[in-house]
PDB file of N, CA and C in Angstrom:
ATOM      1  N   MET A   1       1.004  -1.192  -0.023  1.00  0.00           N
ATOM      2  CA  MET A   1       0.287   0.013  -0.133  1.00  0.00           C
ATOM      3  C   MET A   1       1.041   1.551   0.095  1.00  0.00           C
ATOM      4  N   SER A   2       0.704   1.909  -0.777  1.00  0.00           N
ATOM      5  CA  SER A   2       1.492   3.207  -0.799  1.00  0.00           C
ATOM      6  C   SER A   2       1.383   4.462  -0.014  1.00  0.00           C
ATOM      7  N   LEU A   3       2.328   5.041   0.355  1.00  0.00           N
ATOM      8  CA  LEU A   3       2.087   6.505   1.342  1.00  0.00           C
ATOM      9  C   LEU A   3       0.765   7.404   0.967  1.00  0.00           C
ATOM     10  N   LYS A   4       0.466   7.233  -0.329  1.00  0.00           N
ATOM     11  CA  LYS A   4      -0.406   8.331  -0.274  1.00  0.00           C
ATOM     12  C   LYS A   4      -2.023   7.250  -0.109  1.00  0.00           C
ATOM     13  N   VAL A   5      -2.457   6.199  -0.881  1.00  0.00           N
ATOM     14  CA  VAL A   5      -3.521   5.441  -0.130  1.00  0.00           C
ATOM     15  C   VAL A   5      -3.379   5.698   1.788  1.00  0.00           C
ATOM     16  N   VAL A   6      -2.128   5.233   2.425  1.00  0.00           N
ATOM     17  CA  VAL A   6      -2.247   5.328   3.960  1.00  0.00           C
ATOM     18  C   VAL A   6      -2.842   6.804   3.930  1.00  0.00           C
ATOM     19  N   HIS A   7      -2.186   7.876   3.530  1.00  0.00           N
ATOM     20  CA  HIS A   7      -2.635   8.936   3.633  1.00  0.00           C
ATOM     21  C   HIS A   7      -4.545   9.159   3.669  1.00  0.00           C
ATOM     22  N   LEU A   8      -4.840   8.775   2.351  1.00  0.00           N
ATOM     23  CA  LEU A   8      -5.803   8.783   2.163  1.00  0.00           C
ATOM     24  C   LEU A   8      -7.252   8.495   3.464  1.00  0.00           C
ATOM     25  N   VAL A   9      -6.459   7.094   4.120  1.00  0.00           N
ATOM     26  CA  VAL A   9      -7.617   6.181   4.609  1.00  0.00           C
ATOM     27  C   VAL A   9      -7.226   6.854   5.581  1.00  0.00           C
ATOM     28  N   PHE A  10      -6.090   7.458   6.223  1.00  0.00           N
ATOM     29  CA  PHE A  10      -6.127   8.678   7.726  1.00  0.00           C
ATOM     30  C   PHE A  10      -6.937   9.302   7.723  1.00  0.00           C
ATOM     31  N   ILE A  11      -7.080  10.619   6.760  1.00  0.00           N
ATOM     32  CA  ILE A  11      -7.858  11.693   6.566  1.00  0.00           C
ATOM     33  C   ILE A  11      -9.264  10.673   6.637  1.00  0.00           C
ATOM     34  N   ALA A  12      -9.895   9.558   5.933  1.00  0.00           N
ATOM     35  CA  ALA A  12     -10.961   9.177   5.837  1.00  0.00           C
ATOM     36  C   ALA A  12     -11.993   8.638   7.761  1.00  0.00           C
ATOM     37  N   CYS A  13     -10.374   8.227   7.988  1.00  0.00           N
ATOM     38  CA  CYS A  13     -10.645   7.572   9.557  1.00  0.00           C
ATOM     39  C   CYS A  13     -10.791   8.667  10.503  1.00  0.00           C
ATOM     40  N   SER A  14     -10.244   9.779   9.763  1.00  0.00           N
ATOM     41  CA  SER A  14      -9.770  11.259  11.001  1.00  0.00           C
ATOM     42  C   SER A  14     -11.288  12.149  10.686  1.00  0.00           C
ATOM     43  N   VAL A  15     -11.540  11.580   9.443  1.00  0.00           N
ATOM     44  CA  VAL A  15     -13.132  12.804   9.258  1.00  0.00           C
ATOM     45  C   VAL A  15     -14.266  12.036   9.933  1.00  0.00           C
ATOM     46  N   GLY A  16     -14.280  10.381   9.827  1.00  0.00           N
ATOM     47  CA  GLY A  16     -15.320   9.384  10.709  1.00  0.00           C
ATOM     48  C   GLY A  16     -15.318   9.755  11.994  1.00  0.00           C
ATOM     49  N   LEU A  17     -13.984   9.821  12.581  1.00  0.00           N
ATOM     50  CA  LEU A  17     -13.911  10.265  13.984  1.00  0.00           C
ATOM     51  C   LEU A  17     -14.418  11.706  14.498  1.00  0.00           C
ATOM     52  N   SER A  18     -14.047  12.886  13.565  1.00  0.00           N
ATOM     53  CA  SER A  18     -14.509  14.008  13.648  1.00  0.00           C
ATOM     54  C   SER A  18     -15.885  13.995  14.301  1.00  0.00           C
ATOM     55  N   MET A  19     -16.869  13.125  13.512  1.00  0.00           N
ATOM     56  CA  MET A  19     -18.167  13.367  13.095  1.00  0.00           C
ATOM     57  C   MET A  19     -18.472  13.051  14.521  1.00  0.00           C
ATOM     58  N   LEU A  20     -18.309  11.684  14.965  1.00  0.00           N
ATOM     59  CA  LEU A  20     -18.015  11.288  16.356  1.00  0.00           C
ATOM     60  C   LEU A  20     -18.483  11.628  17.125  1.00  0.00           C
ATOM     61  N   VAL A  21     -16.833  12.391  17.009  1.00  0.00           N
ATOM     62  CA  VAL A  21     -17.003  13.151  18.433  1.00  0.00           C
ATOM     63  C   VAL A  21     -18.061  14.357  18.489  1.00  0.00           C
ATOM     64  N   GLY A  22     -18.291  14.821  16.952  1.00  0.00           N
ATOM     65  CA  GLY A  22     -19.209  16.011  17.247  1.00  0.00           C
ATOM     66  C   GLY A  22     -20.845  15.268  17.434  1.00  0.00           C
ATOM     67  N   VAL A  23     -20.821  14.261  17.182  1.00  0.00           N
ATOM     68  CA  VAL A  23     -22.435  13.849  17.539  1.00  0.00           C
ATOM     69  C   VAL A  23     -22.632  14.120  18.811  1.00  0.00           C
ATOM     70  N   TRP A  24     -21.165  13.145  19.258  1.00  0.00           N
ATOM     71  CA  TRP A  24     -21.049  12.886  20.760  1.00  0.00           C
ATOM     72  C   TRP A  24     -21.156  13.842  21.942  1.00  0.00           C
ATOM     73  N   GLY A  25     -20.497  15.142  20.800  1.00  0.00           N
ATOM     74  CA  GLY A  25     -20.417  16.775  21.987  1.00  0.00           C
ATOM     75  C   GLY A  25     -22.300  16.842  21.658  1.00  0.00           C
ATOM     76  N   TRP A  26     -23.173  16.975  20.363  1.00  0.00           N
ATOM     77  CA  TRP A  26     -24.028  17.210  20.788  1.00  0.00           C
ATOM     78  C   TRP A  26     -24.854  16.252  21.194  1.00  0.00           C
ATOM     79  N   THR A  27     -24.650  15.195  21.723  1.00  0.00           N
ATOM     80  CA  THR A  27     -25.649  14.145  22.765  1.00  0.00           C
ATOM     81  C   THR A  27     -25.321  14.878  23.821  1.00  0.00           C
ATOM     82  N   GLN A  28     -23.867  15.245  24.392  1.00  0.00           N
ATOM     83  CA  GLN A  28     -23.947  16.097  25.544  1.00  0.00           C
ATOM     84  C   GLN A  28     -24.756  17.226  26.091  1.00  0.00           C
ATOM     85  N   TYR A  29     -24.646  17.796  24.892  1.00  0.00           N
ATOM     86  CA  TYR A  29     -25.362  19.508  24.947  1.00  0.00           C
ATOM     87  C   TYR A  29     -26.731  19.161  25.105  1.00  0.00           C
ATOM     88  N   ARG A  30     -27.165  18.318  24.347  1.00  0.00           N
ATOM     89  CA  ARG A  30     -28.588  17.628  24.470  1.00  0.00           C
ATOM     90  C   ARG A  30     -29.652  17.214  26.025  1.00  0.00           C
ATOM     91  N   LEU A  31     -28.534  16.563  26.571  1.00  0.00           N
ATOM     92  CA  LEU A  31     -28.560  15.870  27.692  1.00  0.00           C
ATOM     93  C   LEU A  31     -28.265  16.892  29.032  1.00  0.00           C
ATOM     94  N   THR A  32     -26.919  17.490  29.168  1.00  0.00           N
ATOM     95  CA  THR A  32     -26.707  18.350  30.037  1.00  0.00           C
ATOM     96  C   THR A  32     -27.573  19.838  29.938  1.00  0.00           C
ATOM     97  N   GLY A  33     -27.407  20.331  28.676  1.00  0.00           N
ATOM     98  CA  GLY A  33     -27.342  21.556  28.478  1.00  0.00           C
ATOM     99  C   GLY A  33     -26.273  22.165  28.563  1.00  0.00           C
ATOM    100  N   ALA A  34     -24.971  21.980  28.835  1.00  0.00           N
ATOM    101  CA  ALA A  34     -23.889  22.656  28.911  1.00  0.00           C
ATOM    102  C   ALA A  34     -23.265  22.820  27.809  1.00  0.00           C
ATOM    103  N   THR A  35     -22.870  24.339  27.287  1.00  0.00           N
ATOM    104  CA  THR A  35     -22.522  24.859  25.998  1.00  0.00           C
ATOM    105  C   THR A  35     -20.992  24.286  25.289  1.00  0.00           C
ATOM    106  N   SER A  36     -20.371  23.578  26.857  1.00  0.00           N
ATOM    107  CA  SER A  36     -19.451  22.886  26.584  1.00  0.00           C
ATOM    108  C   SER A  36     -19.643  21.533  25.081  1.00  0.00           C
ATOM    109  N   GLY A  37     -20.088  21.112  26.008  1.00  0.00           N
ATOM    110  CA  GLY A  37     -21.031  19.897  24.177  1.00  0.00           C
ATOM    111  C   GLY A  37     -21.202  20.738  23.279  1.00  0.00           C
ATOM    112  N   LEU A  38     -21.868  21.370  23.134  1.00  0.00           N
ATOM    113  CA  LEU A  38     -22.375  22.367  21.797  1.00  0.00           C
ATOM    114  C   LEU A  38     -21.205  22.913  21.115  1.00  0.00           C
ATOM    115  N   MET A  39     -19.636  23.689  22.140  1.00  0.00           N
ATOM    116  CA  MET A  39     -18.793  23.560  21.522  1.00  0.00           C
ATOM    117  C   MET A  39     -18.006  22.473  20.538  1.00  0.00           C
ATOM    118  N   ILE A  40     -17.866  21.545  21.661  1.00  0.00           N
ATOM    119  CA  ILE A  40     -16.876  20.395  21.369  1.00  0.00           C
ATOM    120  C   ILE A  40     -17.608  19.981  19.591  1.00  0.00           C
ATOM    121  N   ALA A  41     -19.147  19.873  19.636  1.00  0.00           N
ATOM    122  CA  ALA A  41     -19.631  19.550  18.958  1.00  0.00           C
ATOM    123  C   ALA A  41     -19.312  20.645  17.244  1.00  0.00           C
ATOM    124  N   ALA A  42     -19.155  21.658  17.521  1.00  0.00           N
ATOM    125  CA  ALA A  42     -19.382  22.586  16.601  1.00  0.00           C
ATOM    126  C   ALA A  42     -17.893  22.685  15.999  1.00  0.00           C
ATOM    127  N   VAL A  43     -16.621  22.299  16.553  1.00  0.00           N
ATOM    128  CA  VAL A  43     -15.896  22.462  16.557  1.00  0.00           C
ATOM    129  C   VAL A  43     -15.257  21.166  15.622  1.00  0.00           C
ATOM    130  N   PHE A  44     -15.729  19.826  15.871  1.00  0.00           N
ATOM    131  CA  PHE A  44     -15.508  18.502  15.515  1.00  0.00           C
ATOM    132  C   PHE A  44     -16.009  18.270  13.980  1.00  0.00           C
ATOM    133  N   VAL A  45     -17.490  19.084  13.909  1.00  0.00           N
ATOM    134  CA  VAL A  45     -17.997  18.650  12.562  1.00  0.00           C
ATOM    135  C   VAL A  45     -17.141  19.662  12.017  1.00  0.00           C
ATOM    136  N   VAL A  46     -17.102  21.277  12.012  1.00  0.00           N
ATOM    137  CA  VAL A  46     -16.147  21.968  11.505  1.00  0.00           C
ATOM    138  C   VAL A  46     -15.179  21.382  10.468  1.00  0.00           C
ATOM    139  N   LEU A  47     -14.079  20.543  11.581  1.00  0.00           N
ATOM    140  CA  LEU A  47     -12.746  19.635  11.498  1.00  0.00           C
ATOM    141  C   LEU A  47     -13.175  18.526  10.097  1.00  0.00           C
ATOM    142  N   GLY A  48     -14.354  17.761  10.665  1.00  0.00           N
ATOM    143  CA  GLY A  48     -14.896  16.885   9.749  1.00  0.00           C
ATOM    144  C   GLY A  48     -14.857  17.226   8.506  1.00  0.00           C
ATOM    145  N   VAL A  49     -15.667  18.533   8.233  1.00  0.00           N
ATOM    146  CA  VAL A  49     -15.984  18.968   7.411  1.00  0.00           C
ATOM    147  C   VAL A  49     -14.741  19.622   6.004  1.00  0.00           C
ATOM    148  N   LEU A  50     -13.991  19.842   7.250  1.00  0.00           N
ATOM    149  CA  LEU A  50     -12.348  20.500   6.310  1.00  0.00           C
ATOM    150  C   LEU A  50     -11.471  19.416   6.017  1.00  0.00           C
ATOM    151  N   LEU A  51     -11.522  18.246   7.051  1.00  0.00           N
ATOM    152  CA  LEU A  51     -11.011  17.020   6.192  1.00  0.00           C
ATOM    153  C   LEU A  51     -11.738  16.681   5.117  1.00  0.00           C
ATOM    154  N   ALA A  52     -12.881  16.283   4.954  1.00  0.00           N
ATOM    155  CA  ALA A  52     -13.408  16.325   3.666  1.00  0.00           C
ATOM    156  C   ALA A  52     -13.590  16.789   2.874  1.00  0.00           C
ATOM    157  N   LEU A  53     -13.376  18.143   2.980  1.00  0.00           N
ATOM    158  CA  LEU A  53     -12.807  19.153   1.706  1.00  0.00           C
ATOM    159  C   LEU A  53     -11.496  18.999   1.152  1.00  0.00           C
ATOM    160  N   TYR A  54     -10.675  19.041   2.117  1.00  0.00           N
ATOM    161  CA  TYR A  54      -9.642  18.476   1.888  1.00  0.00           C
ATOM    162  C   TYR A  54      -8.689  17.330   1.418  1.00  0.00           C
ATOM    163  N   ALA A  55      -9.665  15.882   1.196  1.00  0.00           N
ATOM    164  CA  ALA A  55      -8.927  14.775   1.027  1.00  0.00           C
ATOM    165  C   ALA A  55      -9.033  15.082  -0.784  1.00  0.00           C
ATOM    166  N   PRO A  56     -10.109  15.264  -1.408  1.00  0.00           N
ATOM    167  CA  PRO A  56     -10.262  15.269  -2.955  1.00  0.00           C
ATOM    168  C   PRO A  56      -8.635  16.365  -3.675  1.00  0.00           C
ATOM    169  N   ARG A  57      -8.917  17.453  -2.890  1.00  0.00           N
ATOM    170  CA  ARG A  57      -7.568  18.334  -2.973  1.00  0.00           C
ATOM    171  C   ARG A  57      -6.214  17.707  -2.770  1.00  0.00           C
ATOM    172  N   PHE A  58      -6.027  16.739  -1.788  1.00  0.00           N
ATOM    173  CA  PHE A  58      -4.955  15.732  -1.808  1.00  0.00           C
ATOM    174  C   PHE A  58      -5.035  14.995  -3.058  1.00  0.00           C
ATOM    175  N   TRP A  59      -6.063  14.228  -3.930  1.00  0.00           N
ATOM    176  CA  TRP A  59      -5.624  13.222  -4.327  1.00  0.00           C
ATOM    177  C   TRP A  59      -5.343  13.765  -5.481  1.00  0.00           C
ATOM    178  N   ALA A  60      -5.733  15.237  -5.929  1.00  0.00           N
ATOM    179  CA  ALA A  60      -5.802  15.853  -6.907  1.00  0.00           C
ATOM    180  C   ALA A  60      -4.408  16.282  -7.035  1.00  0.00           C
ATOM    181  N   LYS A  61      -3.443  16.643  -6.007  1.00  0.00           N
ATOM    182  CA  LYS A  61      -2.191  17.370  -5.904  1.00  0.00           C
ATOM    183  C   LYS A  61      -1.101  16.232  -6.170  1.00  0.00           C
ATOM    184  N   VAL A  62      -2.205  14.631  -5.718  1.00  0.00           N
ATOM    185  CA  VAL A  62      -0.961  13.570  -6.016  1.00  0.00           C
ATOM    186  C   VAL A  62      -1.046  13.066  -6.999  1.00  0.00           C
ATOM    187  N   LYS A  63      -2.185  12.564  -7.873  1.00  0.00           N
ATOM    188  CA  LYS A  63      -2.239  12.595  -9.291  1.00  0.00           C
ATOM    189  C   LYS A  63      -1.824  13.654  -9.873  1.00  0.00           C
ATOM    190  N   GLU A  64      -1.582  14.731  -9.819  1.00  0.00           N
ATOM    191  CA  GLU A  64      -0.612  16.233 -10.585  1.00  0.00           C
ATOM    192  C   GLU A  64       0.914  15.822 -10.608  1.00  0.00           C
ATOM    193  N   MET A  65       1.122  15.423  -9.604  1.00  0.00           N
ATOM    194  CA  MET A  65       2.858  14.742  -8.856  1.00  0.00           C
ATOM    195  C   MET A  65       3.376  13.714  -9.913  1.00  0.00           C
ATOM    196  N   ASP A  66       2.244  12.886 -10.038  1.00  0.00           N
ATOM    197  CA  ASP A  66       2.533  11.555 -10.398  1.00  0.00           C
ATOM    198  C   ASP A  66       2.721  11.431 -11.821  1.00  0.00           C
ATOM    199  N   GLY A  67       1.283  12.260 -12.724  1.00  0.00           N
ATOM    200  CA  GLY A  67       1.403  12.269 -13.526  1.00  0.00           C
ATOM    201  C   GLY A  67       2.286  13.568 -14.704  1.00  0.00           C
TER     202      GLY A  67
END
């Protein structure tokens, strides 16, 4: 497995984990009403979205370098 594939797998796992932490934060906010849960949810969902947007850019850059 090449390093670029490992990088993409790592990005995909990071997106999934970020979304799970975001859902957990939202759940904590709904259960306790603490704003820290809402802040955690917002930060990790934004992070997951940014990572998801980064993945295709990385793949295009790698394709450009290979070709």
